[in-house]
Structure formats: structure tokens, C-alpha cells
Amino acid sequence: MAIGQSLQQRLLQKLSPQQIQLMKLLQVPTANLETRIKEELEENPALEMEEDNHDDEYDESKDEFAEKTEEDNMDEKDGKILI
């Protein structure tokens, strides 16, 4: 009669419904993506389309940063730029 031990290790990954949906969306060809998005918006009333203002916000913040940097580098007495 032999006595033995064994040790097993298993890694299991379960995908959430959101992850499954994301994987399906990533498989949609780019040409059909806009159509697919419109279908999802029609089917799910909780979804809504957001206007794309991200580029404008980025440009404005970039301009504000440039202006602030120039002001910070100006010598108030001489009007010289300090670097």
C-alpha cells in the first residue's frame, strides 16, 4: 500500500459580459463600426452619443499652458525671457 501526495495548480479566467461585448466590438471591421454603434444606441436607451470636443479642449489647454509658461519666464523688470 503506497501513500502519495499530489499538488495541482490551475489558472481559470472568466470574462464578464462587458469584456465579451468589448471583444465582439473589437472584431467588427472598421467600416461597419459606425453602423454597429448606431444599432447599439437604438437598442439600449441607457446609451447616448457624446459630442467629440476632446480635440478643442486639448488645444485650449495647450494654448493656456504656453501662455502661462511665457509669463513665468518673463523678467518683470527688464522684460527679458529667462530660460
Protein backbone atom coordinates (compact mmCIF):
# COMPACT_ATOMS: atom_id res chain seq x y z
CA MET A 1 0.00 0.00 0.00
CA ALA A 2 1.57 3.29 -1.20
CA ILE A 3 0.86 6.69 0.25
CA GLY A 4 1.35 9.64 -2.06
CA GLN A 5 0.72 13.31 -2.36
CA SER A 6 -0.03 15.38 -5.37
CA LEU A 7 -0.24 19.08 -5.95
CA GLN A 8 -2.09 20.69 -8.82
CA GLN A 9 -2.33 24.30 -9.83
CA ARG A 10 -4.95 25.68 -12.16
CA LEU A 11 -5.49 29.16 -13.52
CA LEU A 12 -9.02 29.99 -14.59
CA GLN A 13 -10.13 33.23 -16.16
CA LYS A 14 -13.78 34.14 -16.56
CA LEU A 15 -14.83 37.01 -18.76
CA SER A 16 -17.50 39.43 -17.66
CA PRO A 17 -20.37 40.22 -20.06
CA GLN A 18 -18.79 43.64 -20.67
CA GLN A 19 -15.48 42.03 -21.64
CA ILE A 20 -17.25 39.66 -24.02
CA GLN A 21 -19.12 42.57 -25.61
CA LEU A 22 -15.87 44.53 -25.97
CA MET A 23 -14.18 41.57 -27.67
CA LYS A 24 -17.09 41.32 -30.12
CA LEU A 25 -16.86 45.05 -30.88
CA LEU A 26 -13.12 44.79 -31.47
CA GLN A 27 -13.77 42.09 -34.07
CA VAL A 28 -16.15 44.32 -36.07
CA PRO A 29 -14.47 45.71 -39.20
CA THR A 30 -13.82 49.45 -39.04
CA ALA A 31 -16.13 50.11 -41.99
CA ASN A 32 -19.06 48.53 -40.11
CA LEU A 33 -18.23 50.03 -36.72
CA GLU A 34 -20.34 53.18 -37.11
CA THR A 35 -23.36 51.10 -38.15
CA ARG A 36 -22.83 48.78 -35.20
CA ILE A 37 -22.62 51.72 -32.78
CA LYS A 38 -25.87 53.18 -34.14
CA GLU A 39 -27.58 49.81 -33.69
CA GLU A 40 -26.39 49.60 -30.08
CA LEU A 41 -27.61 53.15 -29.41
CA GLU A 42 -31.05 52.27 -30.78
CA GLU A 43 -31.28 49.01 -28.81
CA ASN A 44 -30.07 50.37 -25.48
CA PRO A 45 -31.83 53.53 -24.25
CA ALA A 46 -29.24 53.95 -21.48
CA LEU A 47 -26.59 54.77 -24.08
CA GLU A 48 -26.27 58.19 -25.63
CA MET A 49 -23.93 59.73 -28.17
CA GLU A 50 -21.41 62.25 -26.82
CA GLU A 51 -20.14 65.08 -28.98
CA ASP A 52 -16.40 64.94 -29.68
CA ASN A 53 -14.94 68.08 -28.09
CA HIS A 54 -11.77 66.46 -26.83
CA ASP A 55 -9.55 67.98 -29.54
CA ASP A 56 -10.81 71.50 -28.79
CA GLU A 57 -10.24 71.06 -25.07
CA TYR A 58 -6.72 69.77 -25.73
CA ASP A 59 -5.87 72.72 -27.97
CA GLU A 60 -7.21 75.25 -25.44
CA SER A 61 -5.28 73.73 -22.54
CA LYS A 62 -2.14 73.61 -24.67
CA ASP A 63 -2.51 77.33 -25.51
CA GLU A 64 -3.13 78.23 -21.86
CA PHE A 65 -0.03 76.29 -20.82
CA ALA A 66 2.09 78.05 -23.44
CA GLU A 67 0.86 81.48 -22.32
CA LYS A 68 1.44 80.69 -18.66
CA THR A 69 4.95 79.37 -19.38
CA GLU A 70 5.84 82.55 -21.27
CA GLU A 71 4.55 84.69 -18.39
CA ASP A 72 6.52 82.66 -15.86
CA ASN A 73 9.71 83.05 -17.88
CA MET A 74 9.43 86.83 -18.30
CA ASP A 75 11.61 89.00 -16.12
CA GLU A 76 9.25 91.74 -14.85
CA LYS A 77 11.91 94.44 -14.64
CA ASP A 78 13.71 94.03 -17.95
CA GLY A 79 11.07 92.20 -19.98
CA LYS A 80 13.70 89.58 -20.79
CA ILE A 81 12.88 85.96 -21.20
CA LEU A 82 14.52 83.71 -18.62
CA ILE A 83 15.32 80.16 -19.64
